[in-house]
Structures are given as structure tokens and as C-alpha cells.
């Protein structure tokens, strides 16, 4: 696109791990990422992480904001808002600035809030 540098495109890119796809290993993303498949490894993103209904992560997750509708087994660290949807299952520790949990969400572990008000 005219007027945009390659770096702008990289930071605005949305990465997708589709349903039925399994990745074993760590992922580092400069922008946003959506997981509808399975990740067996750690995920670090400078943007937003979305775990869809069919998505699962077995490892540590670090990001700016996150919306979870699938499954996570491992520690999750979110700078801003972590949103657990009613279909989510999280087994592990949470460190976040703000937390939203819908009725029906399953959470087992500890939670530490950074109190960024």
C-alpha cells in the first residue's frame, strides 16, 4: 500500500493458526495472533492474542491483551485486559492488569492483578 512502510504492515499483521493445525514449538509475533488449532509451546505476542473455541495452547502465553474462548494449560501474562469467555478453560496461573470472566468459564490456578488503574 502507498504511504506505509514494511514495518507498519508487520505490526498490523494478524497471524492465524487454523483449526486442525498443530504446531510444536515456540511462537513470537510482532502483532496480533489468533489460535484456532493447537500450539504445544510458548506464545509471545506484542499485540492481541485470541484463542478461539477450537483453539488450545499448552505452554506459557505473554501478550498485551487476550480473549480466550478455548483452552490454555500454562501461565498467562497479559499487560492490559484478559477476557475469559464462557467456553474457556484455563488451567494455570494468571498475571494481568484487568480481568473479565464470563459465567461458565473454567479457571484453575492463581491470579495476580497488577492494579494498573
C-alpha atoms as a PDB file:
ATOM      1  CA  UNK A   1       0.000   0.000   0.000  1.00  0.00           C
ATOM      2  CA  UNK A   2       1.128   3.526  -0.663  1.00  0.00           C
ATOM      3  CA  UNK A   3       2.450   5.510   2.272  1.00  0.00           C
ATOM      4  CA  UNK A   4       3.011   2.542   4.555  1.00  0.00           C
ATOM      5  CA  UNK A   5       6.373   1.056   5.339  1.00  0.00           C
ATOM      6  CA  UNK A   6       7.018  -2.663   5.612  1.00  0.00           C
ATOM      7  CA  UNK A   7       7.337  -2.270   9.410  1.00  0.00           C
ATOM      8  CA  UNK A   8       3.794  -0.860   9.624  1.00  0.00           C
ATOM      9  CA  UNK A   9       2.477  -3.898   7.763  1.00  0.00           C
ATOM     10  CA  UNK A  10       4.335  -6.295  10.066  1.00  0.00           C
ATOM     11  CA  UNK A  11       2.927  -4.710  13.225  1.00  0.00           C
ATOM     12  CA  UNK A  12      -0.640  -4.683  11.861  1.00  0.00           C
ATOM     13  CA  UNK A  13      -0.496  -8.267  10.563  1.00  0.00           C
ATOM     14  CA  UNK A  14      -2.864 -10.807  12.078  1.00  0.00           C
ATOM     15  CA  UNK A  15      -1.386 -14.281  12.271  1.00  0.00           C
ATOM     16  CA  UNK A  16      -3.722 -17.283  12.216  1.00  0.00           C
ATOM     17  CA  UNK A  17      -3.201 -20.867  13.347  1.00  0.00           C
ATOM     18  CA  UNK A  18      -6.171 -22.647  11.786  1.00  0.00           C
ATOM     19  CA  UNK A  19      -8.370 -25.365  13.253  1.00  0.00           C
ATOM     20  CA  UNK A  20      -6.871 -28.832  12.766  1.00  0.00           C
ATOM     21  CA  UNK A  21      -3.307 -27.473  12.630  1.00  0.00           C
ATOM     22  CA  UNK A  22      -0.837 -28.491  15.349  1.00  0.00           C
ATOM     23  CA  UNK A  23       2.419 -26.624  15.967  1.00  0.00           C
ATOM     24  CA  UNK A  24       5.057 -27.908  18.377  1.00  0.00           C
ATOM     25  CA  UNK A  25       7.473 -25.128  19.297  1.00  0.00           C
ATOM     26  CA  UNK A  26       7.507 -21.519  20.437  1.00  0.00           C
ATOM     27  CA  UNK A  27       5.861 -18.646  18.538  1.00  0.00           C
ATOM     28  CA  UNK A  28       6.899 -14.987  18.680  1.00  0.00           C
ATOM     29  CA  UNK A  29       4.611 -12.482  16.935  1.00  0.00           C
ATOM     30  CA  UNK A  30       5.191  -8.775  16.390  1.00  0.00           C
ATOM     31  CA  UNK A  31       1.448  -8.142  16.046  1.00  0.00           C
ATOM     32  CA  UNK A  32      -1.812  -9.968  16.778  1.00  0.00           C
ATOM     33  CA  UNK A  33      -2.365 -13.734  16.585  1.00  0.00           C
ATOM     34  CA  UNK A  34      -5.437 -15.968  16.599  1.00  0.00           C
ATOM     35  CA  UNK A  35      -5.182 -19.637  17.558  1.00  0.00           C
ATOM     36  CA  UNK A  36      -7.946 -21.972  16.353  1.00  0.00           C
ATOM     37  CA  UNK A  37      -5.656 -25.011  16.209  1.00  0.00           C
ATOM     38  CA  UNK A  38      -3.229 -26.433  18.770  1.00  0.00           C
ATOM     39  CA  UNK A  39       0.033 -24.921  19.989  1.00  0.00           C
ATOM     40  CA  UNK A  40       2.355 -27.072  22.083  1.00  0.00           C
ATOM     41  CA  UNK A  41       4.846 -24.441  23.147  1.00  0.00           C
ATOM     42  CA  UNK A  42       5.130 -20.872  24.376  1.00  0.00           C
ATOM     43  CA  UNK A  43       3.493 -17.882  22.688  1.00  0.00           C
ATOM     44  CA  UNK A  44       4.793 -14.315  22.937  1.00  0.00           C
ATOM     45  CA  UNK A  45       2.940 -11.562  21.064  1.00  0.00           C
ATOM     46  CA  UNK A  46       3.388  -7.785  21.134  1.00  0.00           C
ATOM     47  CA  UNK A  47      -0.307  -7.361  20.298  1.00  0.00           C
ATOM     48  CA  UNK A  48      -3.547  -9.212  20.987  1.00  0.00           C
ATOM     49  CA  UNK A  49      -3.893 -12.986  21.381  1.00  0.00           C
ATOM     50  CA  UNK A  50      -7.239 -14.654  20.615  1.00  0.00           C
ATOM     51  CA  UNK A  51      -7.762 -18.328  21.412  1.00  0.00           C
ATOM     52  CA  UNK A  52     -10.874 -19.448  19.506  1.00  0.00           C
ATOM     53  CA  UNK A  53     -13.380 -22.120  20.637  1.00  0.00           C
ATOM     54  CA  UNK A  54     -11.371 -24.888  18.934  1.00  0.00           C
ATOM     55  CA  UNK A  55      -8.000 -23.429  19.957  1.00  0.00           C
ATOM     56  CA  UNK A  56      -5.689 -24.771  22.633  1.00  0.00           C
ATOM     57  CA  UNK A  57      -2.292 -23.766  23.977  1.00  0.00           C
ATOM     58  CA  UNK A  58      -0.133 -25.982  26.165  1.00  0.00           C
ATOM     59  CA  UNK A  59       2.567 -23.572  27.307  1.00  0.00           C
ATOM     60  CA  UNK A  60       3.181 -20.046  28.525  1.00  0.00           C
ATOM     61  CA  UNK A  61       1.414 -17.067  26.887  1.00  0.00           C
ATOM     62  CA  UNK A  62       2.611 -13.431  27.075  1.00  0.00           C
ATOM     63  CA  UNK A  63       0.810 -10.561  25.301  1.00  0.00           C
ATOM     64  CA  UNK A  64      -0.762  -7.082  25.559  1.00  0.00           C
ATOM     65  CA  UNK A  65      -4.439  -8.144  25.543  1.00  0.00           C
ATOM     66  CA  UNK A  66      -6.117 -11.533  25.211  1.00  0.00           C
ATOM     67  CA  UNK A  67      -9.528 -13.065  24.602  1.00  0.00           C
ATOM     68  CA  UNK A  68      -9.833 -16.760  25.445  1.00  0.00           C
ATOM     69  CA  UNK A  69     -12.704 -18.949  24.229  1.00  0.00           C
ATOM     70  CA  UNK A  70     -10.681 -22.181  24.005  1.00  0.00           C
ATOM     71  CA  UNK A  71      -8.208 -23.942  26.304  1.00  0.00           C
ATOM     72  CA  UNK A  72      -4.914 -22.919  27.894  1.00  0.00           C
ATOM     73  CA  UNK A  73      -2.711 -25.087  30.101  1.00  0.00           C
ATOM     74  CA  UNK A  74       0.072 -22.906  31.428  1.00  0.00           C
ATOM     75  CA  UNK A  75       0.849 -19.475  32.791  1.00  0.00           C
ATOM     76  CA  UNK A  76      -0.643 -16.453  31.003  1.00  0.00           C
ATOM     77  CA  UNK A  77       0.744 -12.927  31.412  1.00  0.00           C
ATOM     78  CA  UNK A  78      -1.340 -10.091  29.935  1.00  0.00           C
ATOM     79  CA  UNK A  79      -0.292  -6.427  30.213  1.00  0.00           C
ATOM     80  CA  UNK A  80      -3.809  -4.997  29.850  1.00  0.00           C
ATOM     81  CA  UNK A  81      -7.131  -6.916  29.657  1.00  0.00           C
ATOM     82  CA  UNK A  82      -7.592 -10.690  29.810  1.00  0.00           C
ATOM     83  CA  UNK A  83     -11.106 -11.780  28.844  1.00  0.00           C
ATOM     84  CA  UNK A  84     -12.213 -15.350  29.602  1.00  0.00           C
ATOM     85  CA  UNK A  85     -15.297 -16.238  27.556  1.00  0.00           C
ATOM     86  CA  UNK A  86     -17.956 -18.680  28.811  1.00  0.00           C
ATOM     87  CA  UNK A  87     -16.464 -21.567  26.778  1.00  0.00           C
ATOM     88  CA  UNK A  88     -12.897 -21.031  28.034  1.00  0.00           C
ATOM     89  CA  UNK A  89     -10.887 -23.492  30.120  1.00  0.00           C
ATOM     90  CA  UNK A  90      -7.741 -22.170  31.767  1.00  0.00           C
ATOM     91  CA  UNK A  91      -5.512 -24.339  33.939  1.00  0.00           C
ATOM     92  CA  UNK A  92      -2.582 -22.291  35.171  1.00  0.00           C
ATOM     93  CA  UNK A  93      -1.601 -19.005  36.719  1.00  0.00           C
ATOM     94  CA  UNK A  94      -2.784 -15.585  35.527  1.00  0.00           C
ATOM     95  CA  UNK A  95      -0.885 -12.306  35.762  1.00  0.00           C
ATOM     96  CA  UNK A  96      -2.865  -9.430  34.272  1.00  0.00           C
ATOM     97  CA  UNK A  97      -3.739  -5.759  34.559  1.00  0.00           C
ATOM     98  CA  UNK A  98      -7.507  -6.292  34.213  1.00  0.00           C
ATOM     99  CA  UNK A  99      -9.610  -9.457  34.184  1.00  0.00           C
ATOM    100  CA  UNK A 100     -13.046 -10.235  32.753  1.00  0.00           C
ATOM    101  CA  UNK A 101     -14.605 -13.661  33.351  1.00  0.00           C
ATOM    102  CA  UNK A 102     -17.939 -14.689  31.822  1.00  0.00           C
ATOM    103  CA  UNK A 103     -20.194 -17.137  33.707  1.00  0.00           C
ATOM    104  CA  UNK A 104     -19.358 -20.673  32.581  1.00  0.00           C
ATOM    105  CA  UNK A 105     -15.630 -20.080  32.194  1.00  0.00           C
ATOM    106  CA  UNK A 106     -13.447 -22.678  33.941  1.00  0.00           C
ATOM    107  CA  UNK A 107     -10.337 -21.372  35.724  1.00  0.00           C
ATOM    108  CA  UNK A 108      -7.997 -23.355  37.956  1.00  0.00           C
ATOM    109  CA  UNK A 109      -4.894 -21.652  39.291  1.00  0.00           C
ATOM    110  CA  UNK A 110      -3.802 -18.405  40.901  1.00  0.00           C
ATOM    111  CA  UNK A 111      -4.458 -14.867  39.731  1.00  0.00           C
ATOM    112  CA  UNK A 112      -2.301 -11.796  40.312  1.00  0.00           C
ATOM    113  CA  UNK A 113      -3.502  -8.378  39.172  1.00  0.00           C
ATOM    114  CA  UNK A 114      -1.050  -5.562  38.566  1.00  0.00           C
ATOM    115  CA  UNK A 115      -3.553  -2.868  39.563  1.00  0.00           C
ATOM    116  CA  UNK A 116      -2.968  -0.515  36.631  1.00  0.00           C
ATOM    117  CA  UNK A 117      -5.855   1.869  37.212  1.00  0.00           C
END
